């Protein structure tokens, strides 16, 4: 699946997107796999309460299943003004 990173998540990881092969069943499991890769991922996902996730461009929860998902995007909450 394609995993996309936005704003400070992208800055900490150093990539805007990557292709990930995963056995994760949920977003939380995917995050755990990514955090285990390298320190930069661990830093980016240290506080998931400060992140939002979208699955195939639909805002989702971190306990959402990944079955059939083609794209996961991680980003900080948006503020308007």
N, C-alpha and C. Protein backbone atom coordinates (compact mmCIF):
# COMPACT_ATOMS: atom_id res chain seq x y z
N UNK A 1 0.83 -1.17 0.00
CA UNK A 1 0.00 0.00 0.00
C UNK A 1 0.88 1.23 0.00
N UNK A 2 0.33 2.35 -0.44
CA UNK A 2 1.05 3.61 -0.40
C UNK A 2 0.78 4.28 0.94
N UNK A 3 1.84 4.76 1.56
CA UNK A 3 1.73 5.48 2.82
C UNK A 3 2.26 6.89 2.57
N UNK A 4 1.44 7.88 2.91
CA UNK A 4 1.79 9.28 2.69
C UNK A 4 1.92 10.00 4.03
N UNK A 5 2.86 10.94 4.07
CA UNK A 5 3.13 11.70 5.28
C UNK A 5 3.04 13.18 4.95
N UNK A 6 2.39 13.95 5.84
CA UNK A 6 2.21 15.37 5.60
C UNK A 6 2.72 16.19 6.77
N UNK A 7 3.08 17.45 6.47
CA UNK A 7 3.50 18.45 7.45
C UNK A 7 4.67 17.93 8.29
N UNK A 8 4.61 18.08 9.63
CA UNK A 8 5.75 17.71 10.46
C UNK A 8 5.99 16.20 10.49
N UNK A 9 4.99 15.40 10.14
CA UNK A 9 5.20 13.95 10.05
C UNK A 9 6.20 13.68 8.92
N UNK A 10 5.97 14.31 7.78
CA UNK A 10 6.88 14.18 6.64
C UNK A 10 8.27 14.68 6.99
N UNK A 11 8.35 15.79 7.71
CA UNK A 11 9.65 16.35 8.08
C UNK A 11 10.43 15.40 8.99
N UNK A 12 9.77 14.76 9.94
CA UNK A 12 10.46 13.85 10.86
C UNK A 12 10.90 12.56 10.18
N UNK A 13 10.06 12.06 9.28
CA UNK A 13 10.39 10.81 8.60
C UNK A 13 11.35 11.05 7.43
N UNK A 14 11.21 12.20 6.79
CA UNK A 14 12.10 12.54 5.69
C UNK A 14 11.61 12.08 4.33
N UNK A 15 10.38 11.63 4.26
CA UNK A 15 9.79 11.17 3.00
C UNK A 15 8.36 11.69 2.88
N UNK A 16 7.94 12.05 1.67
CA UNK A 16 6.54 12.43 1.50
C UNK A 16 5.62 11.22 1.35
N UNK A 17 6.17 10.12 0.82
CA UNK A 17 5.38 8.90 0.62
C UNK A 17 6.31 7.73 0.39
N UNK A 18 5.78 6.54 0.62
CA UNK A 18 6.53 5.32 0.33
C UNK A 18 5.56 4.17 0.12
N UNK A 19 6.04 3.15 -0.53
CA UNK A 19 5.27 1.93 -0.74
C UNK A 19 5.65 0.98 0.39
N UNK A 20 4.66 0.45 1.11
CA UNK A 20 4.91 -0.40 2.27
C UNK A 20 4.23 -1.75 2.09
N UNK A 21 4.99 -2.80 2.27
CA UNK A 21 4.43 -4.15 2.33
C UNK A 21 4.19 -4.45 3.79
N UNK A 22 2.97 -4.80 4.15
CA UNK A 22 2.65 -4.99 5.56
C UNK A 22 1.70 -6.16 5.76
N UNK A 23 1.79 -6.73 6.94
CA UNK A 23 0.84 -7.75 7.38
C UNK A 23 -0.12 -7.17 8.41
N UNK A 24 -0.03 -5.87 8.65
CA UNK A 24 -0.86 -5.21 9.66
C UNK A 24 -2.34 -5.32 9.31
N UNK A 25 -3.15 -5.59 10.32
CA UNK A 25 -4.60 -5.68 10.13
C UNK A 25 -5.29 -4.36 10.40
N UNK A 26 -4.65 -3.49 11.19
CA UNK A 26 -5.24 -2.20 11.53
C UNK A 26 -4.20 -1.09 11.37
N UNK A 27 -4.67 0.14 11.42
CA UNK A 27 -3.74 1.27 11.36
C UNK A 27 -2.78 1.22 12.55
N UNK A 28 -3.28 0.92 13.73
CA UNK A 28 -2.40 0.83 14.90
C UNK A 28 -1.28 -0.18 14.69
N UNK A 29 -1.58 -1.32 14.08
CA UNK A 29 -0.55 -2.32 13.81
C UNK A 29 0.45 -1.81 12.78
N UNK A 30 -0.02 -1.08 11.78
CA UNK A 30 0.87 -0.48 10.79
C UNK A 30 1.81 0.51 11.46
N UNK A 31 1.26 1.35 12.33
CA UNK A 31 2.09 2.33 13.06
C UNK A 31 3.15 1.60 13.88
N UNK A 32 2.79 0.52 14.55
CA UNK A 32 3.76 -0.24 15.33
C UNK A 32 4.87 -0.78 14.44
N UNK A 33 4.52 -1.30 13.26
CA UNK A 33 5.53 -1.80 12.32
C UNK A 33 6.47 -0.67 11.89
N UNK A 34 5.90 0.48 11.56
CA UNK A 34 6.71 1.61 11.12
C UNK A 34 7.64 2.09 12.23
N UNK A 35 7.11 2.19 13.46
CA UNK A 35 7.92 2.65 14.58
C UNK A 35 9.10 1.72 14.85
N UNK A 36 8.93 0.44 14.58
CA UNK A 36 10.00 -0.53 14.82
C UNK A 36 11.11 -0.42 13.77
N UNK A 37 10.85 0.25 12.67
CA UNK A 37 11.85 0.36 11.59
C UNK A 37 13.07 1.16 12.01
N UNK A 38 12.83 2.41 12.41
CA UNK A 38 13.92 3.34 12.68
C UNK A 38 13.45 4.39 13.68
N UNK A 39 14.39 5.08 14.26
CA UNK A 39 14.10 6.13 15.24
C UNK A 39 13.25 7.26 14.64
N UNK A 40 13.49 7.59 13.38
CA UNK A 40 12.73 8.70 12.78
C UNK A 40 11.23 8.39 12.73
N UNK A 41 10.87 7.12 12.49
CA UNK A 41 9.46 6.73 12.51
C UNK A 41 8.93 6.75 13.95
N UNK A 42 9.74 6.25 14.87
CA UNK A 42 9.34 6.26 16.28
C UNK A 42 9.07 7.68 16.75
N UNK A 43 9.89 8.63 16.33
CA UNK A 43 9.68 10.03 16.70
C UNK A 43 8.41 10.59 16.09
N UNK A 44 8.16 10.27 14.84
CA UNK A 44 6.98 10.79 14.15
C UNK A 44 5.68 10.26 14.74
N UNK A 45 5.70 9.01 15.20
CA UNK A 45 4.47 8.38 15.71
C UNK A 45 4.44 8.25 17.23
N UNK A 46 5.32 8.98 17.93
CA UNK A 46 5.40 8.87 19.38
C UNK A 46 4.09 9.21 20.08
N UNK A 47 3.33 10.13 19.52
CA UNK A 47 2.06 10.55 20.12
C UNK A 47 0.97 10.54 19.05
N UNK A 48 0.34 9.40 18.87
CA UNK A 48 -0.68 9.31 17.81
C UNK A 48 -1.91 10.15 18.10
N UNK A 49 -2.08 10.61 19.34
CA UNK A 49 -3.21 11.50 19.63
C UNK A 49 -3.02 12.85 18.93
N UNK A 50 -1.80 13.13 18.50
CA UNK A 50 -1.50 14.38 17.79
C UNK A 50 -1.57 14.19 16.28
N UNK A 51 -2.08 13.04 15.84
CA UNK A 51 -2.15 12.72 14.41
C UNK A 51 -3.56 12.37 13.99
N UNK A 52 -3.80 12.51 12.71
CA UNK A 52 -5.02 12.03 12.08
C UNK A 52 -4.59 11.06 10.99
N UNK A 53 -5.51 10.19 10.59
CA UNK A 53 -5.22 9.23 9.53
C UNK A 53 -6.40 9.19 8.56
N UNK A 54 -6.08 9.04 7.30
CA UNK A 54 -7.10 8.86 6.27
C UNK A 54 -6.78 7.58 5.51
N UNK A 55 -7.80 6.79 5.26
CA UNK A 55 -7.67 5.56 4.47
C UNK A 55 -8.40 5.76 3.16
N UNK A 56 -7.66 5.67 2.07
CA UNK A 56 -8.22 5.94 0.74
C UNK A 56 -8.99 7.26 0.74
N UNK A 57 -8.37 8.27 1.35
CA UNK A 57 -8.84 9.66 1.39
C UNK A 57 -10.11 9.86 2.22
N UNK A 58 -10.38 8.95 3.15
CA UNK A 58 -11.51 9.09 4.07
C UNK A 58 -10.96 9.10 5.49
N UNK A 59 -11.27 10.15 6.25
CA UNK A 59 -10.80 10.25 7.63
C UNK A 59 -11.23 9.02 8.41
N UNK A 60 -10.30 8.42 9.13
CA UNK A 60 -10.55 7.15 9.83
C UNK A 60 -9.95 7.18 11.23
N UNK A 61 -10.16 6.10 11.97
CA UNK A 61 -9.59 5.93 13.29
C UNK A 61 -8.37 5.01 13.21
N UNK A 62 -7.54 5.07 14.23
CA UNK A 62 -6.34 4.25 14.25
C UNK A 62 -6.65 2.77 14.48
N UNK A 63 -7.85 2.45 14.92
CA UNK A 63 -8.22 1.04 15.06
C UNK A 63 -8.96 0.51 13.83
N UNK A 64 -9.02 1.31 12.77
CA UNK A 64 -9.70 0.92 11.54
C UNK A 64 -8.94 -0.21 10.84
N UNK A 65 -9.67 -1.14 10.22
CA UNK A 65 -9.02 -2.23 9.49
C UNK A 65 -8.37 -1.73 8.19
N UNK A 66 -7.33 -2.42 7.78
CA UNK A 66 -6.61 -2.07 6.55
C UNK A 66 -6.98 -2.95 5.36
N UNK A 67 -7.83 -3.93 5.56
CA UNK A 67 -8.19 -4.84 4.46
C UNK A 67 -8.73 -4.04 3.28
N UNK A 68 -8.11 -4.23 2.12
CA UNK A 68 -8.55 -3.58 0.90
C UNK A 68 -8.10 -2.14 0.73
N UNK A 69 -7.42 -1.59 1.71
CA UNK A 69 -6.97 -0.19 1.65
C UNK A 69 -5.76 -0.08 0.73
N UNK A 70 -5.77 0.92 -0.13
CA UNK A 70 -4.65 1.14 -1.05
C UNK A 70 -3.75 2.29 -0.62
N UNK A 71 -4.33 3.25 0.15
CA UNK A 71 -3.56 4.44 0.53
C UNK A 71 -3.86 4.83 1.98
N UNK A 72 -2.79 5.06 2.74
CA UNK A 72 -2.90 5.53 4.12
C UNK A 72 -2.15 6.85 4.19
N UNK A 73 -2.80 7.86 4.77
CA UNK A 73 -2.17 9.17 4.91
C UNK A 73 -2.18 9.58 6.38
N UNK A 74 -1.02 10.05 6.85
CA UNK A 74 -0.88 10.53 8.22
C UNK A 74 -0.61 12.02 8.19
N UNK A 75 -1.31 12.78 9.06
CA UNK A 75 -1.16 14.23 9.08
C UNK A 75 -1.60 14.77 10.43
N UNK A 76 -1.10 15.96 10.80
CA UNK A 76 -1.56 16.57 12.04
C UNK A 76 -2.97 17.14 11.85
N UNK A 77 -3.68 17.37 12.95
CA UNK A 77 -5.01 17.97 12.83
C UNK A 77 -4.92 19.32 12.12
N UNK A 78 -5.93 19.61 11.35
CA UNK A 78 -5.97 20.87 10.62
C UNK A 78 -6.65 21.93 11.47
N UNK A 79 -6.13 23.14 11.36
CA UNK A 79 -6.80 24.25 12.02
C UNK A 79 -7.15 25.28 10.96
N UNK A 80 -8.21 25.97 11.18
CA UNK A 80 -8.64 26.96 10.20
C UNK A 80 -8.47 28.36 10.73
N UNK A 81 -8.69 29.31 9.88
CA UNK A 81 -8.59 30.67 10.36
C UNK A 81 -8.52 31.65 9.26
